[in-house]
C-alpha atoms as a PDB file:
ATOM      1  CA  MET A   1      -0.071   0.007   0.055  1.00  0.00           C
ATOM      2  CA  GLU A   2       3.051   2.247   0.195  1.00  0.00           C
ATOM      3  CA  PRO A   3       2.820   3.690  -3.343  1.00  0.00           C
ATOM      4  CA  LEU A   4      -0.760   4.858  -2.626  1.00  0.00           C
ATOM      5  CA  TYR A   5       0.484   6.526   0.599  1.00  0.00           C
ATOM      6  CA  LEU A   6       3.089   8.303  -1.479  1.00  0.00           C
ATOM      7  CA  VAL A   7       0.353   9.403  -3.907  1.00  0.00           C
ATOM      8  CA  ALA A   8      -1.685  10.706  -0.988  1.00  0.00           C
ATOM      9  CA  GLY A   9       1.345  12.797   0.109  1.00  0.00           C
ATOM     10  CA  GLN A  10       0.883  14.679  -3.208  1.00  0.00           C
ATOM     11  CA  ALA A  11      -2.448  15.989  -1.980  1.00  0.00           C
ATOM     12  CA  GLU A  12      -0.937  19.283  -0.945  1.00  0.00           C
ATOM     13  CA  ALA A  13       0.465  19.878  -4.447  1.00  0.00           C
ATOM     14  CA  VAL A  14      -2.888  19.018  -6.008  1.00  0.00           C
ATOM     15  CA  VAL A  15      -4.788  21.313  -3.538  1.00  0.00           C
ATOM     16  CA  ASN A  16      -2.351  24.188  -4.255  1.00  0.00           C
ATOM     17  CA  SER A  17      -2.711  23.643  -8.020  1.00  0.00           C
ATOM     18  CA  LEU A  18      -6.422  24.168  -7.507  1.00  0.00           C
ATOM     19  CA  GLY A  19      -5.812  27.545  -6.105  1.00  0.00           C
ATOM     20  CA  LEU A  20      -7.021  27.047  -2.552  1.00  0.00           C
ATOM     21  CA  THR A  21      -5.074  29.724  -0.715  1.00  0.00           C
ATOM     22  CA  ASP A  22      -6.892  29.480   2.748  1.00  0.00           C
ATOM     23  CA  ALA A  23      -5.401  27.486   5.559  1.00  0.00           C
ATOM     24  CA  TYR A  24      -6.386  23.881   5.157  1.00  0.00           C
ATOM     25  CA  ARG A  25      -5.444  20.714   6.829  1.00  0.00           C
ATOM     26  CA  ILE A  26      -4.493  17.314   5.157  1.00  0.00           C
ATOM     27  CA  ASP A  27      -4.498  14.033   6.963  1.00  0.00           C
ATOM     28  CA  VAL A  28      -3.657  10.652   5.534  1.00  0.00           C
ATOM     29  CA  VAL A  29      -5.191   7.568   7.097  1.00  0.00           C
ATOM     30  CA  THR A  30      -4.111   4.120   6.131  1.00  0.00           C
ATOM     31  CA  VAL A  31      -6.486   1.195   6.872  1.00  0.00           C
ATOM     32  CA  PRO A  32      -4.622  -2.103   6.352  1.00  0.00           C
ATOM     33  CA  ILE A  33      -5.942  -4.978   4.303  1.00  0.00           C
ATOM     34  CA  GLY A  34      -7.474  -7.465   6.717  1.00  0.00           C
ATOM     35  CA  HIS A  35      -9.185  -4.820   8.812  1.00  0.00           C
ATOM     36  CA  CYS A  36     -12.563  -5.854   9.728  1.00  0.00           C
ATOM     37  CA  ALA A  37     -15.445  -3.938  10.995  1.00  0.00           C
ATOM     38  CA  PRO A  38     -16.186  -4.600  14.586  1.00  0.00           C
ATOM     39  CA  PRO A  39     -18.856  -7.228  15.419  1.00  0.00           C
ATOM     40  CA  SER A  40     -22.221  -5.973  16.314  1.00  0.00           C
ATOM     41  CA  PRO A  41     -22.782  -6.053  20.085  1.00  0.00           C
ATOM     42  CA  PRO A  42     -25.313  -8.528  21.294  1.00  0.00           C
ATOM     43  CA  THR A  43     -28.717  -6.987  21.688  1.00  0.00           C
ATOM     44  CA  GLY A  44     -30.410  -7.040  25.043  1.00  0.00           C
ATOM     45  CA  THR A  45     -27.513  -8.529  26.980  1.00  0.00           C
ATOM     46  CA  GLY A  46     -25.338  -6.455  29.329  1.00  0.00           C
ATOM     47  CA  VAL A  47     -24.513  -2.821  29.429  1.00  0.00           C
ATOM     48  CA  TYR A  48     -21.133  -2.740  27.690  1.00  0.00           C
ATOM     49  CA  ARG A  49     -20.579  -1.688  24.098  1.00  0.00           C
ATOM     50  CA  SER A  50     -17.271  -1.690  22.431  1.00  0.00           C
ATOM     51  CA  SER A  51     -16.224  -0.705  18.881  1.00  0.00           C
ATOM     52  CA  LEU A  52     -13.204   0.048  16.838  1.00  0.00           C
ATOM     53  CA  SER A  53     -13.441   3.115  14.520  1.00  0.00           C
ATOM     54  CA  PHE A  54     -11.069   4.820  12.179  1.00  0.00           C
ATOM     55  CA  GLY A  55     -12.125   8.412  11.657  1.00  0.00           C
ATOM     56  CA  PRO A  56     -14.773  10.567  13.414  1.00  0.00           C
ATOM     57  CA  PRO A  57     -16.926   8.420  15.808  1.00  0.00           C
ATOM     58  CA  ASP A  58     -20.192   9.180  13.834  1.00  0.00           C
ATOM     59  CA  GLU A  59     -18.834   7.641  10.625  1.00  0.00           C
ATOM     60  CA  PRO A  60     -18.797   3.879   9.875  1.00  0.00           C
ATOM     61  CA  PRO A  61     -15.466   1.996   9.886  1.00  0.00           C
ATOM     62  CA  LEU A  62     -13.428   2.469   6.787  1.00  0.00           C
ATOM     63  CA  ASP A  63     -12.674  -0.180   4.187  1.00  0.00           C
ATOM     64  CA  PRO A  64      -8.964  -1.039   3.538  1.00  0.00           C
ATOM     65  CA  GLY A  65      -7.064   1.618   1.602  1.00  0.00           C
ATOM     66  CA  VAL A  66      -5.466   5.062   2.072  1.00  0.00           C
ATOM     67  CA  TYR A  67      -7.768   7.964   2.878  1.00  0.00           C
ATOM     68  CA  VAL A  68      -6.857  11.580   2.181  1.00  0.00           C
ATOM     69  CA  VAL A  69      -8.890  13.841   4.390  1.00  0.00           C
ATOM     70  CA  VAL A  70      -8.760  17.585   3.490  1.00  0.00           C
ATOM     71  CA  GLU A  71     -10.466  20.115   5.865  1.00  0.00           C
ATOM     72  CA  LEU A  72     -10.941  23.835   5.425  1.00  0.00           C
ATOM     73  CA  GLY A  73     -12.710  25.354   8.456  1.00  0.00           C
ATOM     74  CA  ASP A  74     -16.028  23.424   8.960  1.00  0.00           C
ATOM     75  CA  ASP A  75     -15.905  21.859   5.447  1.00  0.00           C
ATOM     76  CA  GLY A  76     -13.999  18.866   4.375  1.00  0.00           C
ATOM     77  CA  THR A  77     -13.689  15.835   2.054  1.00  0.00           C
ATOM     78  CA  ARG A  78     -12.460  12.293   2.393  1.00  0.00           C
ATOM     79  CA  ILE A  79     -11.134  10.477  -0.612  1.00  0.00           C
ATOM     80  CA  GLN A  80     -10.436   6.773  -0.670  1.00  0.00           C
ATOM     81  CA  LEU A  81      -7.569   5.319  -2.609  1.00  0.00           C
ATOM     82  CA  THR A  82      -8.257   1.521  -2.780  1.00  0.00           C
ATOM     83  CA  PRO A  83      -5.532  -1.132  -2.692  1.00  0.00           C
ATOM     84  CA  GLU A  84      -6.002  -2.275  -6.207  1.00  0.00           C
ATOM     85  CA  MET A  85      -5.532   1.229  -7.610  1.00  0.00           C
ATOM     86  CA  GLN A  86      -2.251   1.778  -9.582  1.00  0.00           C
ATOM     87  CA  PRO A  87      -0.386   4.925  -8.330  1.00  0.00           C
ATOM     88  CA  LEU A  88      -1.019   6.910 -11.567  1.00  0.00           C
ATOM     89  CA  ASP A  89      -4.792   6.164 -11.567  1.00  0.00           C
ATOM     90  CA  ALA A  90      -4.856   6.912  -7.836  1.00  0.00           C
ATOM     91  CA  LEU A  91      -3.402  10.407  -8.421  1.00  0.00           C
ATOM     92  CA  VAL A  92      -5.777  11.216 -11.187  1.00  0.00           C
ATOM     93  CA  HIS A  93      -8.678  10.115  -8.976  1.00  0.00           C
ATOM     94  CA  LEU A  94      -7.378  12.123  -6.043  1.00  0.00           C
ATOM     95  CA  ALA A  95      -7.008  15.257  -8.180  1.00  0.00           C
ATOM     96  CA  ASP A  96     -10.579  14.744  -9.749  1.00  0.00           C
ATOM     97  CA  ARG A  97     -12.234  14.356  -6.319  1.00  0.00           C
ATOM     98  CA  LEU A  98     -10.327  17.279  -4.806  1.00  0.00           C
ATOM     99  CA  GLN A  99     -11.269  19.385  -7.825  1.00  0.00           C
ATOM    100  CA  ASP A 100     -14.964  18.597  -7.297  1.00  0.00           C
ATOM    101  CA  TRP A 101     -14.647  19.586  -3.640  1.00  0.00           C
ATOM    102  CA  VAL A 102     -12.863  22.931  -4.358  1.00  0.00           C
ATOM    103  CA  ILE A 103     -15.237  23.794  -7.188  1.00  0.00           C
ATOM    104  CA  GLU A 104     -18.097  23.296  -4.783  1.00  0.00           C
ATOM    105  CA  LEU A 105     -16.321  25.382  -2.048  1.00  0.00           C
ATOM    106  CA  THR A 106     -15.764  28.212  -4.553  1.00  0.00           C
ATOM    107  CA  HIS A 107     -19.390  28.130  -5.797  1.00  0.00           C
ATOM    108  CA  GLY A 108     -18.525  26.952  -9.228  1.00  0.00           C
ATOM    109  CA  ALA A 109     -15.206  28.681  -9.971  1.00  0.00           C
ATOM    110  CA  ALA A 110     -13.187  26.874 -12.618  1.00  0.00           C
ATOM    111  CA  ARG A 111     -10.241  25.401 -10.827  1.00  0.00           C
ATOM    112  CA  PRO A 112      -7.731  25.106 -12.426  1.00  0.00           C
ATOM    113  CA  ARG A 113      -9.069  27.299 -15.136  1.00  0.00           C
ATOM    114  CA  CYS A 114      -8.275  26.094 -18.588  1.00  0.00           C
ATOM    115  CA  PRO A 115      -6.126  28.798 -20.369  1.00  0.00           C
ATOM    116  CA  GLY A 116      -8.291  30.723 -22.888  1.00  0.00           C
ATOM    117  CA  HIS A 117     -11.495  28.957 -21.820  1.00  0.00           C
ATOM    118  CA  ALA A 118     -14.078  29.514 -19.055  1.00  0.00           C
ATOM    119  CA  HIS A 119     -14.235  25.861 -18.019  1.00  0.00           C
ATOM    120  CA  PRO A 120     -11.952  23.963 -15.552  1.00  0.00           C
ATOM    121  CA  MET A 121      -9.321  21.581 -16.697  1.00  0.00           C
ATOM    122  CA  ARG A 122      -9.812  17.817 -16.249  1.00  0.00           C
ATOM    123  CA  ALA A 123      -7.600  15.390 -14.493  1.00  0.00           C
ATOM    124  CA  SER A 124      -6.330  12.671 -17.003  1.00  0.00           C
ATOM    125  CA  VAL A 125      -3.544  10.305 -17.781  1.00  0.00           C
ATOM    126  CA  VAL A 126      -1.533  11.540 -20.704  1.00  0.00           C
ATOM    127  CA  GLY A 127       1.476   9.782 -22.014  1.00  0.00           C
ATOM    128  CA  GLY A 128       2.060   7.840 -18.810  1.00  0.00           C
ATOM    129  CA  SER A 129       1.770  10.971 -16.538  1.00  0.00           C
ATOM    130  CA  ALA A 130      -1.072  12.536 -14.540  1.00  0.00           C
ATOM    131  CA  ALA A 131      -1.992  15.834 -16.114  1.00  0.00           C
ATOM    132  CA  TRP A 132      -4.684  18.592 -16.214  1.00  0.00           C
ATOM    133  CA  THR A 133      -6.013  18.782 -19.691  1.00  0.00           C
ATOM    134  CA  CYS A 134      -8.623  20.832 -21.578  1.00  0.00           C
ATOM    135  CA  PRO A 135     -11.817  18.737 -21.720  1.00  0.00           C
ATOM    136  CA  ALA A 136     -12.799  20.190 -25.093  1.00  0.00           C
ATOM    137  CA  ARG A 137      -9.321  19.903 -26.648  1.00  0.00           C
ATOM    138  CA  PRO A 138      -7.001  17.627 -24.687  1.00  0.00           C
ATOM    139  CA  ASP A 139      -3.904  18.849 -26.741  1.00  0.00           C
ATOM    140  CA  HIS A 140      -4.714  22.517 -26.097  1.00  0.00           C
ATOM    141  CA  ALA A 141      -3.577  22.606 -22.425  1.00  0.00           C
ATOM    142  CA  ILE A 142      -1.625  20.238 -20.401  1.00  0.00           C
ATOM    143  CA  ALA A 143      -0.158  20.867 -16.887  1.00  0.00           C
ATOM    144  CA  SER A 144       1.337  18.271 -14.653  1.00  0.00           C
ATOM    145  CA  ILE A 145      -0.611  17.192 -11.626  1.00  0.00           C
ATOM    146  CA  GLY A 146       1.227  16.962  -8.357  1.00  0.00           C
END
């Protein structure tokens, strides 16, 4: 799972490329393969309840993988990178999900803006690298992700 952890480490570069200038927090959580959700406590017997949880207590246990959690004030997003993802695909997935979150935070601002167009660029794999490309003309604009 280490390559995915390294991809998750690129989250700061991705967020910066999206133009988020406010103070934000990035956490990376790794849930190993073989992690199981805690068994449900027996109903109607005893007064004790025990559970194991990764993440905030009001969220269900996480599936195996690497999670990138980005928080800005009271808003945040959590992106899962699954163990079967290749590092390049994981980076494009991370960039795509972070882009959706930042666009929502900025009420629809094109981030990153495509040069010469009003729309945002799109996270893609180009020539074996993760890149921001123009969705209308992929050869028009290419910028490295991360």
